[in-house]
Amino acid sequence: MPKTRVLFLTFLVFFFFLQSSVTTLFAQDSQTASPAEQRRTSEPYTGDLSIFDSPGRDQRIQIDRVMDILGVVPGKTAADIGAGSGWFTVRAARRVGETGLVYAVDINPAAIQYVHDRAKKERLNNVKTVLSKPDDPVLPAGSVDAVLLLKTYHEVAQPVVLLRNLRAALRAGAKVGIIDRNGNGEDHGVAREVVLHESAEAGYKLLNQYDFVKGDKMDYFLVLTPQ
């Protein structure tokens, strides 16, 4: 075989080997970069739901003041996203009265059953449970006047998608409240600045922010509305 042909074949083998290596390297880089783009979150709570009904929680969070700010008043419709034990659900249901409605939204079937049984036991006929998706609250379009995510936001893996999907359910002038704790995402908290950035990306603007919840200066209360 002529020497030039041997060199040509050797070059082709080397070229295809190099191309394959580069392609594999870029694919590996892409796979490792992808998770980094998604911020860290805490695992959704699946334990004993009764812990959310600890004595004195109403006073620590100042839930009546929270509901005043969000406009949870008689005749309105509210949504409790990440309802858990229904701690906020039942308080909102008493506030909105028989002419109002509260959606108790959760991704955990056990929590949904818990809230359903609780509402029945407490004779709250204005509570409707919703088994949602991790990135979609699955609420009817144009149905909600006020929303609260109480110590839930840090567990949401795709918060921007969730907030975008929530928008269709909001009525004109609806307010979305987020109460959470400053943290790194994995420690059952998420930085206030992160929430503000993500909510803006989802098309919301900040109406106001408060530090009165719990009074430890670690917890914050953000009030948002669609832009």
C-alpha atoms as a PDB file:
ATOM      1  CA  MET A   1       0.000   0.000   0.000  1.00  0.00           C
ATOM      2  CA  PRO A   2       1.435   3.407  -0.947  1.00  0.00           C
ATOM      3  CA  LYS A   3       2.853   5.460   1.915  1.00  0.00           C
ATOM      4  CA  THR A   4       0.625   8.463   1.148  1.00  0.00           C
ATOM      5  CA  ARG A   5      -2.518   6.309   1.388  1.00  0.00           C
ATOM      6  CA  VAL A   6      -1.416   4.926   4.746  1.00  0.00           C
ATOM      7  CA  LEU A   7      -0.865   8.455   6.037  1.00  0.00           C
ATOM      8  CA  PHE A   8      -4.266   9.546   4.713  1.00  0.00           C
ATOM      9  CA  LEU A   9      -6.061   6.632   6.426  1.00  0.00           C
ATOM     10  CA  THR A  10      -4.173   7.307   9.641  1.00  0.00           C
ATOM     11  CA  PHE A  11      -5.279  10.953   9.496  1.00  0.00           C
ATOM     12  CA  LEU A  12      -8.923   9.958   8.962  1.00  0.00           C
ATOM     13  CA  VAL A  13      -8.872   7.582  11.949  1.00  0.00           C
ATOM     14  CA  PHE A  14      -7.290  10.270  14.128  1.00  0.00           C
ATOM     15  CA  PHE A  15      -9.818  12.891  12.921  1.00  0.00           C
ATOM     16  CA  PHE A  16     -12.873  10.749  13.709  1.00  0.00           C
ATOM     17  CA  PHE A  17     -11.416   9.781  17.093  1.00  0.00           C
ATOM     18  CA  LEU A  18     -10.815  13.438  17.937  1.00  0.00           C
ATOM     19  CA  GLN A  19     -14.324  14.454  16.793  1.00  0.00           C
ATOM     20  CA  SER A  20     -15.909  11.675  18.870  1.00  0.00           C
ATOM     21  CA  SER A  21     -13.909  12.687  21.957  1.00  0.00           C
ATOM     22  CA  VAL A  22     -14.878  16.352  21.634  1.00  0.00           C
ATOM     23  CA  THR A  23     -18.568  15.468  21.163  1.00  0.00           C
ATOM     24  CA  THR A  24     -18.512  13.240  24.250  1.00  0.00           C
ATOM     25  CA  LEU A  25     -16.765  15.932  26.273  1.00  0.00           C
ATOM     26  CA  PHE A  26     -19.353  18.559  25.352  1.00  0.00           C
ATOM     27  CA  ALA A  27     -22.183  16.162  26.163  1.00  0.00           C
ATOM     28  CA  GLN A  28     -20.683  15.461  29.587  1.00  0.00           C
ATOM     29  CA  ASP A  29     -20.206  19.166  30.226  1.00  0.00           C
ATOM     30  CA  SER A  30     -23.829  19.797  29.238  1.00  0.00           C
ATOM     31  CA  GLN A  31     -25.098  17.108  31.598  1.00  0.00           C
ATOM     32  CA  THR A  32     -23.091  18.418  34.517  1.00  0.00           C
ATOM     33  CA  ALA A  33     -23.993  22.050  33.832  1.00  0.00           C
ATOM     34  CA  SER A  34     -27.727  21.425  33.656  1.00  0.00           C
ATOM     35  CA  PRO A  35     -28.373  20.697  37.344  1.00  0.00           C
ATOM     36  CA  ALA A  36     -26.243  23.693  38.331  1.00  0.00           C
ATOM     37  CA  GLU A  37     -28.667  25.979  36.531  1.00  0.00           C
ATOM     38  CA  GLN A  38     -31.477  24.803  38.806  1.00  0.00           C
ATOM     39  CA  ARG A  39     -31.122  26.140  42.319  1.00  0.00           C
ATOM     40  CA  ARG A  40     -31.076  23.833  45.303  1.00  0.00           C
ATOM     41  CA  THR A  41     -34.357  23.029  47.029  1.00  0.00           C
ATOM     42  CA  SER A  42     -35.463  21.185  50.149  1.00  0.00           C
ATOM     43  CA  GLU A  43     -37.285  17.878  49.963  1.00  0.00           C
ATOM     44  CA  PRO A  44     -41.066  18.328  50.306  1.00  0.00           C
ATOM     45  CA  TYR A  45     -42.194  17.430  53.826  1.00  0.00           C
ATOM     46  CA  THR A  46     -44.019  14.100  54.121  1.00  0.00           C
ATOM     47  CA  GLY A  47     -43.964  13.568  57.891  1.00  0.00           C
ATOM     48  CA  ASP A  48     -46.451  14.139  60.688  1.00  0.00           C
ATOM     49  CA  LEU A  49     -48.725  16.945  59.512  1.00  0.00           C
ATOM     50  CA  SER A  50     -49.933  17.821  63.004  1.00  0.00           C
ATOM     51  CA  ILE A  51     -46.636  19.607  63.751  1.00  0.00           C
ATOM     52  CA  PHE A  52     -47.855  22.591  61.728  1.00  0.00           C
ATOM     53  CA  ASP A  53     -50.583  23.242  64.285  1.00  0.00           C
ATOM     54  CA  SER A  54     -48.208  24.095  67.119  1.00  0.00           C
ATOM     55  CA  PRO A  55     -49.617  26.308  69.897  1.00  0.00           C
ATOM     56  CA  GLY A  56     -48.987  30.009  69.403  1.00  0.00           C
ATOM     57  CA  ARG A  57     -48.320  29.829  65.675  1.00  0.00           C
ATOM     58  CA  ASP A  58     -51.108  32.320  64.933  1.00  0.00           C
ATOM     59  CA  GLN A  59     -49.370  34.926  67.085  1.00  0.00           C
ATOM     60  CA  ARG A  60     -45.854  34.165  65.836  1.00  0.00           C
ATOM     61  CA  ILE A  61     -46.806  34.548  62.176  1.00  0.00           C
ATOM     62  CA  GLN A  62     -49.503  37.164  62.848  1.00  0.00           C
ATOM     63  CA  ILE A  63     -51.761  35.354  60.414  1.00  0.00           C
ATOM     64  CA  ASP A  64     -54.676  37.772  60.843  1.00  0.00           C
ATOM     65  CA  ARG A  65     -52.441  40.625  59.742  1.00  0.00           C
ATOM     66  CA  VAL A  66     -51.218  38.511  56.814  1.00  0.00           C
ATOM     67  CA  MET A  67     -54.794  37.891  55.689  1.00  0.00           C
ATOM     68  CA  ASP A  68     -55.644  41.583  56.020  1.00  0.00           C
ATOM     69  CA  ILE A  69     -52.752  42.476  53.724  1.00  0.00           C
ATOM     70  CA  LEU A  70     -53.668  39.806  51.155  1.00  0.00           C
ATOM     71  CA  GLY A  71     -57.322  40.825  51.160  1.00  0.00           C
ATOM     72  CA  VAL A  72     -58.686  37.554  52.516  1.00  0.00           C
ATOM     73  CA  VAL A  73     -62.131  38.878  53.413  1.00  0.00           C
ATOM     74  CA  PRO A  74     -65.740  37.601  53.220  1.00  0.00           C
ATOM     75  CA  GLY A  75     -66.824  36.532  49.761  1.00  0.00           C
ATOM     76  CA  LYS A  76     -63.299  36.209  48.325  1.00  0.00           C
ATOM     77  CA  THR A  77     -61.527  33.101  46.999  1.00  0.00           C
ATOM     78  CA  ALA A  78     -58.138  32.183  48.413  1.00  0.00           C
ATOM     79  CA  ALA A  79     -55.624  29.465  47.602  1.00  0.00           C
ATOM     80  CA  ASP A  80     -53.316  27.795  50.114  1.00  0.00           C
ATOM     81  CA  ILE A  81     -50.480  26.380  47.999  1.00  0.00           C
ATOM     82  CA  GLY A  82     -48.574  23.749  49.922  1.00  0.00           C
ATOM     83  CA  ALA A  83     -51.484  23.369  52.314  1.00  0.00           C
ATOM     84  CA  GLY A  84     -49.932  20.617  54.432  1.00  0.00           C
ATOM     85  CA  SER A  85     -52.176  20.136  57.456  1.00  0.00           C
ATOM     86  CA  GLY A  86     -54.545  22.880  56.308  1.00  0.00           C
ATOM     87  CA  TRP A  87     -53.424  25.238  59.065  1.00  0.00           C
ATOM     88  CA  PHE A  88     -53.862  28.297  56.856  1.00  0.00           C
ATOM     89  CA  THR A  89     -56.735  26.773  54.881  1.00  0.00           C
ATOM     90  CA  VAL A  90     -59.092  26.580  57.852  1.00  0.00           C
ATOM     91  CA  ARG A  91     -58.263  30.115  58.992  1.00  0.00           C
ATOM     92  CA  ALA A  92     -58.824  31.504  55.515  1.00  0.00           C
ATOM     93  CA  ALA A  93     -62.065  29.523  55.196  1.00  0.00           C
ATOM     94  CA  ARG A  94     -63.438  31.104  58.374  1.00  0.00           C
ATOM     95  CA  ARG A  95     -62.411  34.520  57.052  1.00  0.00           C
ATOM     96  CA  VAL A  96     -64.036  34.288  53.621  1.00  0.00           C
ATOM     97  CA  GLY A  97     -67.214  32.760  55.042  1.00  0.00           C
ATOM     98  CA  GLU A  98     -69.931  30.806  53.300  1.00  0.00           C
ATOM     99  CA  THR A  99     -69.922  33.126  50.284  1.00  0.00           C
ATOM    100  CA  GLY A 100     -66.204  32.609  49.765  1.00  0.00           C
ATOM    101  CA  LEU A 101     -64.020  29.640  48.864  1.00  0.00           C
ATOM    102  CA  VAL A 102     -60.580  28.301  49.757  1.00  0.00           C
ATOM    103  CA  TYR A 103     -58.559  25.953  47.577  1.00  0.00           C
ATOM    104  CA  ALA A 104     -56.233  23.722  49.609  1.00  0.00           C
ATOM    105  CA  VAL A 105     -53.483  22.818  47.143  1.00  0.00           C
ATOM    106  CA  ASP A 106     -50.796  20.194  47.723  1.00  0.00           C
ATOM    107  CA  ILE A 107     -48.752  17.622  45.781  1.00  0.00           C
ATOM    108  CA  ASN A 108     -48.980  15.111  48.637  1.00  0.00           C
ATOM    109  CA  PRO A 109     -52.097  12.880  48.467  1.00  0.00           C
ATOM    110  CA  ALA A 110     -51.836  12.253  52.225  1.00  0.00           C
ATOM    111  CA  ALA A 111     -52.023  15.998  52.894  1.00  0.00           C
ATOM    112  CA  ILE A 112     -55.021  16.358  50.599  1.00  0.00           C
ATOM    113  CA  GLN A 113     -56.873  13.623  52.470  1.00  0.00           C
ATOM    114  CA  TYR A 114     -55.860  15.145  55.804  1.00  0.00           C
ATOM    115  CA  VAL A 115     -57.261  18.566  54.851  1.00  0.00           C
ATOM    116  CA  HIS A 116     -60.418  17.030  53.403  1.00  0.00           C
ATOM    117  CA  ASP A 117     -61.095  15.173  56.655  1.00  0.00           C
ATOM    118  CA  ARG A 118     -60.233  18.239  58.730  1.00  0.00           C
ATOM    119  CA  ALA A 119     -62.579  20.525  56.800  1.00  0.00           C
ATOM    120  CA  LYS A 120     -65.370  17.986  57.142  1.00  0.00           C
ATOM    121  CA  LYS A 121     -64.752  17.624  60.870  1.00  0.00           C
ATOM    122  CA  GLU A 122     -64.705  21.402  61.366  1.00  0.00           C
ATOM    123  CA  ARG A 123     -67.777  21.821  59.127  1.00  0.00           C
ATOM    124  CA  LEU A 124     -66.067  24.053  56.630  1.00  0.00           C
ATOM    125  CA  ASN A 125     -68.045  23.498  53.453  1.00  0.00           C
ATOM    126  CA  ASN A 126     -66.167  26.231  51.594  1.00  0.00           C
ATOM    127  CA  VAL A 127     -62.911  24.260  51.332  1.00  0.00           C
ATOM    128  CA  LYS A 128     -61.988  22.479  48.118  1.00  0.00           C
ATOM    129  CA  THR A 129     -58.894  20.283  47.999  1.00  0.00           C
ATOM    130  CA  VAL A 130     -56.698  20.162  44.890  1.00  0.00           C
ATOM    131  CA  LEU A 131     -54.041  17.520  44.254  1.00  0.00           C
ATOM    132  CA  SER A 132     -51.612  19.590  42.222  1.00  0.00           C
ATOM    133  CA  LYS A 133     -48.486  19.012  40.166  1.00  0.00           C
ATOM    134  CA  PRO A 134     -45.035  20.071  41.425  1.00  0.00           C
ATOM    135  CA  ASP A 135     -44.918  22.891  38.844  1.00  0.00           C
ATOM    136  CA  ASP A 136     -48.639  23.639  38.433  1.00  0.00           C
ATOM    137  CA  PRO A 137     -51.249  24.403  41.122  1.00  0.00           C
ATOM    138  CA  VAL A 138     -54.003  23.143  38.770  1.00  0.00           C
ATOM    139  CA  LEU A 139     -56.462  25.879  39.722  1.00  0.00           C
ATOM    140  CA  PRO A 140     -59.414  27.013  37.574  1.00  0.00           C
ATOM    141  CA  ALA A 141     -58.776  30.001  35.336  1.00  0.00           C
ATOM    142  CA  GLY A 142     -59.685  33.384  36.787  1.00  0.00           C
ATOM    143  CA  SER A 143     -60.781  31.911  40.111  1.00  0.00           C
ATOM    144  CA  VAL A 144     -58.534  33.291  42.854  1.00  0.00           C
ATOM    145  CA  ASP A 145     -58.268  36.651  44.658  1.00  0.00           C
ATOM    146  CA  ALA A 146     -55.488  35.805  47.121  1.00  0.00           C
ATOM    147  CA  VAL A 147     -52.758  33.171  47.336  1.00  0.00           C
ATOM    148  CA  LEU A 148     -50.398  32.215  50.129  1.00  0.00           C
ATOM    149  CA  LEU A 149     -47.329  29.994  49.944  1.00  0.00           C
ATOM    150  CA  LEU A 150     -46.509  29.533  53.617  1.00  0.00           C
ATOM    151  CA  LYS A 151     -43.064  27.981  54.162  1.00  0.00           C
ATOM    152  CA  THR A 152     -43.509  26.171  50.844  1.00  0.00           C
ATOM    153  CA  TYR A 153     -41.525  28.127  48.274  1.00  0.00           C
ATOM    154  CA  HIS A 154     -38.161  26.624  49.276  1.00  0.00           C
ATOM    155  CA  GLU A 155     -39.518  23.164  48.374  1.00  0.00           C
ATOM    156  CA  VAL A 156     -40.562  24.115  44.842  1.00  0.00           C
ATOM    157  CA  ALA A 157     -38.078  22.704  42.319  1.00  0.00           C
ATOM    158  CA  GLN A 158     -39.251  24.901  39.423  1.00  0.00           C
ATOM    159  CA  PRO A 159     -40.679  28.032  41.041  1.00  0.00           C
ATOM    160  CA  VAL A 160     -40.663  30.154  37.881  1.00  0.00           C
ATOM    161  CA  VAL A 161     -42.764  27.561  36.049  1.00  0.00           C
ATOM    162  CA  LEU A 162     -45.118  27.242  39.021  1.00  0.00           C
ATOM    163  CA  LEU A 163     -45.651  30.988  39.254  1.00  0.00           C
ATOM    164  CA  ARG A 164     -46.236  31.255  35.513  1.00  0.00           C
ATOM    165  CA  ASN A 165     -48.825  28.476  35.663  1.00  0.00           C
ATOM    166  CA  LEU A 166     -50.477  30.192  38.620  1.00  0.00           C
ATOM    167  CA  ARG A 167     -51.061  33.417  36.689  1.00  0.00           C
ATOM    168  CA  ALA A 168     -54.011  32.078  34.693  1.00  0.00           C
ATOM    169  CA  ALA A 169     -55.887  31.368  37.936  1.00  0.00           C
ATOM    170  CA  LEU A 170     -55.517  34.916  39.277  1.00  0.00           C
ATOM    171  CA  ARG A 171     -58.284  37.463  39.040  1.00  0.00           C
ATOM    172  CA  ALA A 172     -57.598  41.130  38.365  1.00  0.00           C
ATOM    173  CA  GLY A 173     -55.876  42.689  41.375  1.00  0.00           C
ATOM    174  CA  ALA A 174     -55.057  39.328  42.966  1.00  0.00           C
ATOM    175  CA  LYS A 175     -52.236  39.221  45.504  1.00  0.00           C
ATOM    176  CA  VAL A 176     -49.738  36.414  45.990  1.00  0.00           C
ATOM    177  CA  GLY A 177     -48.073  36.143  49.392  1.00  0.00           C
ATOM    178  CA  ILE A 178     -44.856  34.234  50.017  1.00  0.00           C
ATOM    179  CA  ILE A 179     -43.735  33.649  53.584  1.00  0.00           C
ATOM    180  CA  ASP A 180     -40.410  31.900  53.908  1.00  0.00           C
ATOM    181  CA  ARG A 181     -37.117  31.911  55.738  1.00  0.00           C
ATOM    182  CA  ASN A 182     -33.753  33.107  54.487  1.00  0.00           C
ATOM    183  CA  GLY A 183     -31.589  30.120  53.606  1.00  0.00           C
ATOM    184  CA  ASN A 184     -29.679  28.360  50.857  1.00  0.00           C
ATOM    185  CA  GLY A 185     -32.548  26.291  49.457  1.00  0.00           C
ATOM    186  CA  GLU A 186     -31.567  23.014  51.092  1.00  0.00           C
ATOM    187  CA  ASP A 187     -31.988  24.132  54.706  1.00  0.00           C
ATOM    188  CA  HIS A 188     -35.755  24.727  54.568  1.00  0.00           C
ATOM    189  CA  GLY A 189     -35.240  28.321  53.518  1.00  0.00           C
ATOM    190  CA  VAL A 190     -34.456  30.406  50.456  1.00  0.00           C
ATOM    191  CA  ALA A 191     -32.960  33.880  50.189  1.00  0.00           C
ATOM    192  CA  ARG A 192     -35.409  36.727  49.772  1.00  0.00           C
ATOM    193  CA  GLU A 193     -33.396  38.047  46.804  1.00  0.00           C
ATOM    194  CA  VAL A 194     -33.733  34.703  45.028  1.00  0.00           C
ATOM    195  CA  VAL A 195     -37.529  34.777  45.379  1.00  0.00           C
ATOM    196  CA  LEU A 196     -37.666  38.346  44.087  1.00  0.00           C
ATOM    197  CA  HIS A 197     -35.528  37.457  41.082  1.00  0.00           C
ATOM    198  CA  GLU A 198     -37.526  34.319  40.239  1.00  0.00           C
ATOM    199  CA  SER A 199     -40.906  35.987  40.666  1.00  0.00           C
ATOM    200  CA  ALA A 200     -39.830  38.844  38.391  1.00  0.00           C
ATOM    201  CA  GLU A 201     -38.747  36.291  35.789  1.00  0.00           C
ATOM    202  CA  ALA A 202     -42.202  34.715  36.064  1.00  0.00           C
ATOM    203  CA  GLY A 203     -43.841  38.079  35.368  1.00  0.00           C
ATOM    204  CA  TYR A 204     -44.689  39.376  38.854  1.00  0.00           C
ATOM    205  CA  LYS A 205     -43.894  42.651  40.547  1.00  0.00           C
ATOM    206  CA  LEU A 206     -43.346  43.311  44.229  1.00  0.00           C
ATOM    207  CA  LEU A 207     -46.127  45.259  45.924  1.00  0.00           C
ATOM    208  CA  ASN A 208     -44.628  45.218  49.407  1.00  0.00           C
ATOM    209  CA  GLN A 209     -42.435  43.251  51.780  1.00  0.00           C
ATOM    210  CA  TYR A 210     -42.617  42.783  55.522  1.00  0.00           C
ATOM    211  CA  ASP A 211     -40.481  41.425  58.345  1.00  0.00           C
ATOM    212  CA  PHE A 212     -43.087  41.044  61.068  1.00  0.00           C
ATOM    213  CA  VAL A 213     -43.644  37.285  60.628  1.00  0.00           C
ATOM    214  CA  LYS A 214     -42.091  35.492  63.614  1.00  0.00           C
ATOM    215  CA  GLY A 215     -40.118  38.608  64.502  1.00  0.00           C
ATOM    216  CA  ASP A 216     -36.726  36.879  64.163  1.00  0.00           C
ATOM    217  CA  LYS A 217     -35.670  38.911  61.084  1.00  0.00           C
ATOM    218  CA  MET A 218     -34.963  35.618  59.292  1.00  0.00           C
ATOM    219  CA  ASP A 219     -38.518  35.165  58.037  1.00  0.00           C
ATOM    220  CA  TYR A 220     -39.963  37.469  55.397  1.00  0.00           C
ATOM    221  CA  PHE A 221     -43.359  38.104  53.833  1.00  0.00           C
ATOM    222  CA  LEU A 222     -43.445  39.188  50.193  1.00  0.00           C
ATOM    223  CA  VAL A 223     -46.608  40.401  48.451  1.00  0.00           C
ATOM    224  CA  LEU A 224     -46.616  40.062  44.669  1.00  0.00           C
ATOM    225  CA  THR A 225     -49.015  40.690  41.809  1.00  0.00           C
ATOM    226  CA  PRO A 226     -48.793  39.924  38.085  1.00  0.00           C
ATOM    227  CA  GLN A 227     -47.268  42.721  35.991  1.00  0.00           C
END
